[in-house]
Amino acid sequence: PGSFELPVAAKTLAQSGQYDAVICLGAVI
């Protein structure tokens, strides 16, 4: 939904062991 939610998704992706890197993108104005 927003930039505040990026860390939890990124952590889940990183911990999955499936990815060599995770990129988090957002825009807070």
PDB file of all heavy atoms in Angstrom:
ATOM      1  N   PRO A   1       0.795  -1.234   0.000  1.00  0.00           N
ATOM      2  CA  PRO A   1       0.000   0.000   0.000  1.00  0.00           C
ATOM      3  C   PRO A   1       0.833   1.293   0.000  1.00  0.00           C
ATOM      4  O   PRO A   1       0.545   2.215  -0.753  1.00  0.00           O
ATOM      5  CB  PRO A   1      -0.835  -0.116   1.271  1.00  0.00           C
ATOM      6  CG  PRO A   1      -0.937  -1.586   1.512  1.00  0.00           C
ATOM      7  CD  PRO A   1       0.375  -2.150   1.065  1.00  0.00           C
ATOM      8  N   GLY A   2       1.844   1.365   0.857  1.00  0.00           N
ATOM      9  CA  GLY A   2       2.627   2.594   0.953  1.00  0.00           C
ATOM     10  C   GLY A   2       4.045   2.312   1.403  1.00  0.00           C
ATOM     11  O   GLY A   2       4.419   1.162   1.662  1.00  0.00           O
ATOM     12  N   SER A   3       4.845   3.358   1.511  1.00  0.00           N
ATOM     13  CA  SER A   3       6.252   3.203   1.892  1.00  0.00           C
ATOM     14  C   SER A   3       6.424   2.643   3.297  1.00  0.00           C
ATOM     15  O   SER A   3       7.408   1.956   3.577  1.00  0.00           O
ATOM     16  CB  SER A   3       6.977   4.544   1.768  1.00  0.00           C
ATOM     17  OG  SER A   3       7.041   4.922   0.408  1.00  0.00           O
ATOM     18  N   PHE A   4       5.476   2.908   4.174  1.00  0.00           N
ATOM     19  CA  PHE A   4       5.540   2.388   5.536  1.00  0.00           C
ATOM     20  C   PHE A   4       5.535   0.856   5.540  1.00  0.00           C
ATOM     21  O   PHE A   4       6.145   0.224   6.407  1.00  0.00           O
ATOM     22  CB  PHE A   4       4.353   2.930   6.346  1.00  0.00           C
ATOM     23  CG  PHE A   4       4.418   2.624   7.807  1.00  0.00           C
ATOM     24  CD1 PHE A   4       5.131   3.442   8.671  1.00  0.00           C
ATOM     25  CD2 PHE A   4       3.753   1.524   8.336  1.00  0.00           C
ATOM     26  CE1 PHE A   4       5.192   3.171  10.027  1.00  0.00           C
ATOM     27  CE2 PHE A   4       3.810   1.243   9.687  1.00  0.00           C
ATOM     28  CZ  PHE A   4       4.535   2.075  10.538  1.00  0.00           C
ATOM     29  N   GLU A   5       4.881   0.253   4.564  1.00  0.00           N
ATOM     30  CA  GLU A   5       4.766  -1.206   4.495  1.00  0.00           C
ATOM     31  C   GLU A   5       5.923  -1.882   3.772  1.00  0.00           C
ATOM     32  O   GLU A   5       6.006  -3.116   3.740  1.00  0.00           O
ATOM     33  CB  GLU A   5       3.447  -1.588   3.815  1.00  0.00           C
ATOM     34  CG  GLU A   5       2.207  -1.251   4.628  1.00  0.00           C
ATOM     35  CD  GLU A   5       1.806   0.218   4.581  1.00  0.00           C
ATOM     36  OE1 GLU A   5       2.126   0.909   3.589  1.00  0.00           O
ATOM     37  OE2 GLU A   5       1.152   0.679   5.546  1.00  0.00           O
ATOM     38  N   LEU A   6       6.817  -1.129   3.186  1.00  0.00           N
ATOM     39  CA  LEU A   6       7.945  -1.721   2.457  1.00  0.00           C
ATOM     40  C   LEU A   6       8.811  -2.644   3.316  1.00  0.00           C
ATOM     41  O   LEU A   6       9.173  -3.731   2.863  1.00  0.00           O
ATOM     42  CB  LEU A   6       8.810  -0.621   1.830  1.00  0.00           C
ATOM     43  CG  LEU A   6       8.200   0.110   0.637  1.00  0.00           C
ATOM     44  CD1 LEU A   6       9.026   1.351   0.299  1.00  0.00           C
ATOM     45  CD2 LEU A   6       8.094  -0.807  -0.560  1.00  0.00           C
ATOM     46  N   PRO A   7       9.180  -2.256   4.544  1.00  0.00           N
ATOM     47  CA  PRO A   7      10.091  -3.120   5.316  1.00  0.00           C
ATOM     48  C   PRO A   7       9.566  -4.528   5.582  1.00  0.00           C
ATOM     49  O   PRO A   7      10.332  -5.493   5.479  1.00  0.00           O
ATOM     50  CB  PRO A   7      10.291  -2.348   6.627  1.00  0.00           C
ATOM     51  CG  PRO A   7      10.084  -0.925   6.259  1.00  0.00           C
ATOM     52  CD  PRO A   7       8.981  -0.967   5.223  1.00  0.00           C
ATOM     53  N   VAL A   8       8.303  -4.677   5.897  1.00  0.00           N
ATOM     54  CA  VAL A   8       7.804  -6.020   6.208  1.00  0.00           C
ATOM     55  C   VAL A   8       7.815  -6.900   4.960  1.00  0.00           C
ATOM     56  O   VAL A   8       8.175  -8.086   5.025  1.00  0.00           O
ATOM     57  CB  VAL A   8       6.411  -5.986   6.885  1.00  0.00           C
ATOM     58  CG1 VAL A   8       5.319  -5.563   5.928  1.00  0.00           C
ATOM     59  CG2 VAL A   8       6.087  -7.339   7.496  1.00  0.00           C
ATOM     60  N   ALA A   9       7.452  -6.341   3.811  1.00  0.00           N
ATOM     61  CA  ALA A   9       7.500  -7.121   2.570  1.00  0.00           C
ATOM     62  C   ALA A   9       8.949  -7.443   2.211  1.00  0.00           C
ATOM     63  O   ALA A   9       9.264  -8.573   1.819  1.00  0.00           O
ATOM     64  CB  ALA A   9       6.820  -6.352   1.442  1.00  0.00           C
ATOM     65  N   ALA A  10       9.831  -6.462   2.355  1.00  0.00           N
ATOM     66  CA  ALA A  10      11.240  -6.684   2.035  1.00  0.00           C
ATOM     67  C   ALA A  10      11.848  -7.754   2.927  1.00  0.00           C
ATOM     68  O   ALA A  10      12.602  -8.615   2.452  1.00  0.00           O
ATOM     69  CB  ALA A  10      12.025  -5.377   2.177  1.00  0.00           C
ATOM     70  N   LYS A  11      11.521  -7.730   4.204  1.00  0.00           N
ATOM     71  CA  LYS A  11      12.070  -8.726   5.122  1.00  0.00           C
ATOM     72  C   LYS A  11      11.570 -10.124   4.777  1.00  0.00           C
ATOM     73  O   LYS A  11      12.343 -11.090   4.787  1.00  0.00           O
ATOM     74  CB  LYS A  11      11.731  -8.384   6.567  1.00  0.00           C
ATOM     75  CG  LYS A  11      12.414  -9.308   7.555  1.00  0.00           C
ATOM     76  CD  LYS A  11      12.245  -8.847   8.985  1.00  0.00           C
ATOM     77  CE  LYS A  11      13.022  -9.743   9.924  1.00  0.00           C
ATOM     78  NZ  LYS A  11      12.879  -9.292  11.320  1.00  0.00           N
ATOM     79  N   THR A  12      10.302 -10.230   4.455  1.00  0.00           N
ATOM     80  CA  THR A  12       9.738 -11.525   4.076  1.00  0.00           C
ATOM     81  C   THR A  12      10.416 -12.060   2.815  1.00  0.00           C
ATOM     82  O   THR A  12      10.777 -13.241   2.733  1.00  0.00           O
ATOM     83  CB  THR A  12       8.222 -11.413   3.880  1.00  0.00           C
ATOM     84  OG1 THR A  12       7.637 -10.900   5.087  1.00  0.00           O
ATOM     85  CG2 THR A  12       7.597 -12.755   3.543  1.00  0.00           C
ATOM     86  N   LEU A  13      10.606 -11.192   1.829  1.00  0.00           N
ATOM     87  CA  LEU A  13      11.294 -11.592   0.597  1.00  0.00           C
ATOM     88  C   LEU A  13      12.732 -12.002   0.879  1.00  0.00           C
ATOM     89  O   LEU A  13      13.207 -13.028   0.394  1.00  0.00           O
ATOM     90  CB  LEU A  13      11.245 -10.449  -0.417  1.00  0.00           C
ATOM     91  CG  LEU A  13       9.871 -10.172  -1.025  1.00  0.00           C
ATOM     92  CD1 LEU A  13       9.827  -8.781  -1.654  1.00  0.00           C
ATOM     93  CD2 LEU A  13       9.512 -11.246  -2.037  1.00  0.00           C
ATOM     94  N   ALA A  14      13.439 -11.205   1.671  1.00  0.00           N
ATOM     95  CA  ALA A  14      14.841 -11.504   1.975  1.00  0.00           C
ATOM     96  C   ALA A  14      14.975 -12.815   2.740  1.00  0.00           C
ATOM     97  O   ALA A  14      15.867 -13.619   2.459  1.00  0.00           O
ATOM     98  CB  ALA A  14      15.463 -10.353   2.755  1.00  0.00           C
ATOM     99  N   GLN A  15      14.100 -13.042   3.697  1.00  0.00           N
ATOM    100  CA  GLN A  15      14.180 -14.262   4.508  1.00  0.00           C
ATOM    101  C   GLN A  15      13.771 -15.510   3.746  1.00  0.00           C
ATOM    102  O   GLN A  15      14.069 -16.617   4.176  1.00  0.00           O
ATOM    103  CB  GLN A  15      13.299 -14.119   5.758  1.00  0.00           C
ATOM    104  CG  GLN A  15      13.866 -13.185   6.784  1.00  0.00           C
ATOM    105  CD  GLN A  15      12.956 -13.025   7.992  1.00  0.00           C
ATOM    106  OE1 GLN A  15      11.732 -13.092   7.889  1.00  0.00           O
ATOM    107  NE2 GLN A  15      13.571 -12.793   9.140  1.00  0.00           N
ATOM    108  N   SER A  16      13.121 -15.351   2.615  1.00  0.00           N
ATOM    109  CA  SER A  16      12.665 -16.516   1.849  1.00  0.00           C
ATOM    110  C   SER A  16      13.832 -17.329   1.290  1.00  0.00           C
ATOM    111  O   SER A  16      13.659 -18.498   0.944  1.00  0.00           O
ATOM    112  CB  SER A  16      11.766 -16.067   0.687  1.00  0.00           C
ATOM    113  OG  SER A  16      12.548 -15.483  -0.358  1.00  0.00           O
ATOM    114  N   GLY A  17      15.003 -16.715   1.183  1.00  0.00           N
ATOM    115  CA  GLY A  17      16.154 -17.402   0.621  1.00  0.00           C
ATOM    116  C   GLY A  17      16.125 -17.488  -0.894  1.00  0.00           C
ATOM    117  O   GLY A  17      16.997 -18.099  -1.502  1.00  0.00           O
ATOM    118  N   GLN A  18      15.145 -16.873  -1.514  1.00  0.00           N
ATOM    119  CA  GLN A  18      14.992 -16.948  -2.969  1.00  0.00           C
ATOM    120  C   GLN A  18      15.691 -15.821  -3.714  1.00  0.00           C
ATOM    121  O   GLN A  18      15.795 -15.893  -4.942  1.00  0.00           O
ATOM    122  CB  GLN A  18      13.509 -16.921  -3.326  1.00  0.00           C
ATOM    123  CG  GLN A  18      12.726 -18.101  -2.816  1.00  0.00           C
ATOM    124  CD  GLN A  18      11.259 -17.969  -3.192  1.00  0.00           C
ATOM    125  OE1 GLN A  18      10.925 -17.764  -4.346  1.00  0.00           O
ATOM    126  NE2 GLN A  18      10.397 -18.063  -2.197  1.00  0.00           N
ATOM    127  N   TYR A  19      16.153 -14.774  -3.006  1.00  0.00           N
ATOM    128  CA  TYR A  19      16.653 -13.579  -3.688  1.00  0.00           C
ATOM    129  C   TYR A  19      18.046 -13.194  -3.218  1.00  0.00           C
ATOM    130  O   TYR A  19      18.371 -13.307  -2.040  1.00  0.00           O
ATOM    131  CB  TYR A  19      15.668 -12.416  -3.498  1.00  0.00           C
ATOM    132  CG  TYR A  19      14.293 -12.804  -3.980  1.00  0.00           C
ATOM    133  CD1 TYR A  19      13.288 -13.149  -3.083  1.00  0.00           C
ATOM    134  CD2 TYR A  19      14.034 -12.898  -5.344  1.00  0.00           C
ATOM    135  CE1 TYR A  19      12.045 -13.563  -3.531  1.00  0.00           C
ATOM    136  CE2 TYR A  19      12.794 -13.317  -5.799  1.00  0.00           C
ATOM    137  CZ  TYR A  19      11.805 -13.645  -4.897  1.00  0.00           C
ATOM    138  OH  TYR A  19      10.580 -14.068  -5.338  1.00  0.00           O
ATOM    139  N   ASP A  20      18.829 -12.707  -4.167  1.00  0.00           N
ATOM    140  CA  ASP A  20      20.175 -12.222  -3.879  1.00  0.00           C
ATOM    141  C   ASP A  20      20.162 -10.757  -3.455  1.00  0.00           C
ATOM    142  O   ASP A  20      21.132 -10.275  -2.866  1.00  0.00           O
ATOM    143  CB  ASP A  20      21.066 -12.377  -5.117  1.00  0.00           C
ATOM    144  CG  ASP A  20      21.174 -13.839  -5.535  1.00  0.00           C
ATOM    145  OD1 ASP A  20      21.694 -14.630  -4.724  1.00  0.00           O
ATOM    146  OD2 ASP A  20      20.743 -14.179  -6.648  1.00  0.00           O
ATOM    147  N   ALA A  21      19.094 -10.050  -3.755  1.00  0.00           N
ATOM    148  CA  ALA A  21      18.942  -8.650  -3.377  1.00  0.00           C
ATOM    149  C   ALA A  21      17.464  -8.289  -3.403  1.00  0.00           C
ATOM    150  O   ALA A  21      16.672  -8.921  -4.116  1.00  0.00           O
ATOM    151  CB  ALA A  21      19.717  -7.740  -4.332  1.00  0.00           C
ATOM    152  N   VAL A  22      17.123  -7.268  -2.632  1.00  0.00           N
ATOM    153  CA  VAL A  22      15.758  -6.747  -2.598  1.00  0.00           C
ATOM    154  C   VAL A  22      15.849  -5.240  -2.801  1.00  0.00           C
ATOM    155  O   VAL A  22      16.663  -4.570  -2.156  1.00  0.00           O
ATOM    156  CB  VAL A  22      15.051  -7.063  -1.257  1.00  0.00           C
ATOM    157  CG1 VAL A  22      13.658  -6.454  -1.226  1.00  0.00           C
ATOM    158  CG2 VAL A  22      14.992  -8.562  -1.004  1.00  0.00           C
ATOM    159  N   ILE A  23      15.016  -4.735  -3.682  1.00  0.00           N
ATOM    160  CA  ILE A  23      14.953  -3.296  -3.953  1.00  0.00           C
ATOM    161  C   ILE A  23      13.617  -2.780  -3.439  1.00  0.00           C
ATOM    162  O   ILE A  23      12.559  -3.321  -3.788  1.00  0.00           O
ATOM    163  CB  ILE A  23      15.076  -3.017  -5.468  1.00  0.00           C
ATOM    164  CG1 ILE A  23      16.415  -3.532  -6.000  1.00  0.00           C
ATOM    165  CG2 ILE A  23      14.905  -1.524  -5.754  1.00  0.00           C
ATOM    166  CD1 ILE A  23      16.508  -3.525  -7.516  1.00  0.00           C
ATOM    167  N   CYS A  24      13.657  -1.725  -2.624  1.00  0.00           N
ATOM    168  CA  CYS A  24      12.441  -1.115  -2.080  1.00  0.00           C
ATOM    169  C   CYS A  24      12.240   0.254  -2.723  1.00  0.00           C
ATOM    170  O   CYS A  24      13.147   1.096  -2.692  1.00  0.00           O
ATOM    171  CB  CYS A  24      12.565  -0.939  -0.571  1.00  0.00           C
ATOM    172  SG  CYS A  24      12.753  -2.486   0.327  1.00  0.00           S
ATOM    173  N   LEU A  25      11.057   0.466  -3.280  1.00  0.00           N
ATOM    174  CA  LEU A  25      10.771   1.706  -4.000  1.00  0.00           C
ATOM    175  C   LEU A  25       9.513   2.369  -3.454  1.00  0.00           C
ATOM    176  O   LEU A  25       8.501   1.698  -3.212  1.00  0.00           O
ATOM    177  CB  LEU A  25      10.568   1.412  -5.489  1.00  0.00           C
ATOM    178  CG  LEU A  25      11.710   0.684  -6.193  1.00  0.00           C
ATOM    179  CD1 LEU A  25      11.290   0.287  -7.599  1.00  0.00           C
ATOM    180  CD2 LEU A  25      12.952   1.557  -6.206  1.00  0.00           C
ATOM    181  N   GLY A  26       9.580   3.675  -3.281  1.00  0.00           N
ATOM    182  CA  GLY A  26       8.424   4.426  -2.812  1.00  0.00           C
ATOM    183  C   GLY A  26       8.615   5.902  -3.076  1.00  0.00           C
ATOM    184  O   GLY A  26       9.668   6.342  -3.539  1.00  0.00           O
ATOM    185  N   ALA A  27       7.575   6.663  -2.763  1.00  0.00           N
ATOM    186  CA  ALA A  27       7.635   8.111  -2.914  1.00  0.00           C
ATOM    187  C   ALA A  27       6.826   8.748  -1.796  1.00  0.00           C
ATOM    188  O   ALA A  27       5.623   8.510  -1.683  1.00  0.00           O
ATOM    189  CB  ALA A  27       7.098   8.537  -4.274  1.00  0.00           C
ATOM    190  N   VAL A  28       7.514   9.519  -0.962  1.00  0.00           N
ATOM    191  CA  VAL A  28       6.859  10.242   0.119  1.00  0.00           C
ATOM    192  C   VAL A  28       7.064  11.727  -0.176  1.00  0.00           C
ATOM    193  O   VAL A  28       8.195  12.197  -0.252  1.00  0.00           O
ATOM    194  CB  VAL A  28       7.444   9.869   1.493  1.00  0.00           C
ATOM    195  CG1 VAL A  28       6.649  10.537   2.607  1.00  0.00           C
ATOM    196  CG2 VAL A  28       7.456   8.353   1.681  1.00  0.00           C
ATOM    197  N   ILE A  29       5.962  12.420  -0.369  1.00  0.00           N
ATOM    198  CA  ILE A  29       6.008  13.837  -0.733  1.00  0.00           C
ATOM    199  C   ILE A  29       5.471  14.640   0.447  1.00  0.00           C
ATOM    200  O   ILE A  29       4.388  14.359   0.958  1.00  0.00           O
ATOM    201  CB  ILE A  29       5.192  14.081  -2.014  1.00  0.00           C
ATOM    202  CG1 ILE A  29       5.776  13.227  -3.155  1.00  0.00           C
ATOM    203  CG2 ILE A  29       5.196  15.566  -2.376  1.00  0.00           C
ATOM    204  CD1 ILE A  29       4.930  13.172  -4.404  1.00  0.00           C
TER     205      ILE A  29
END
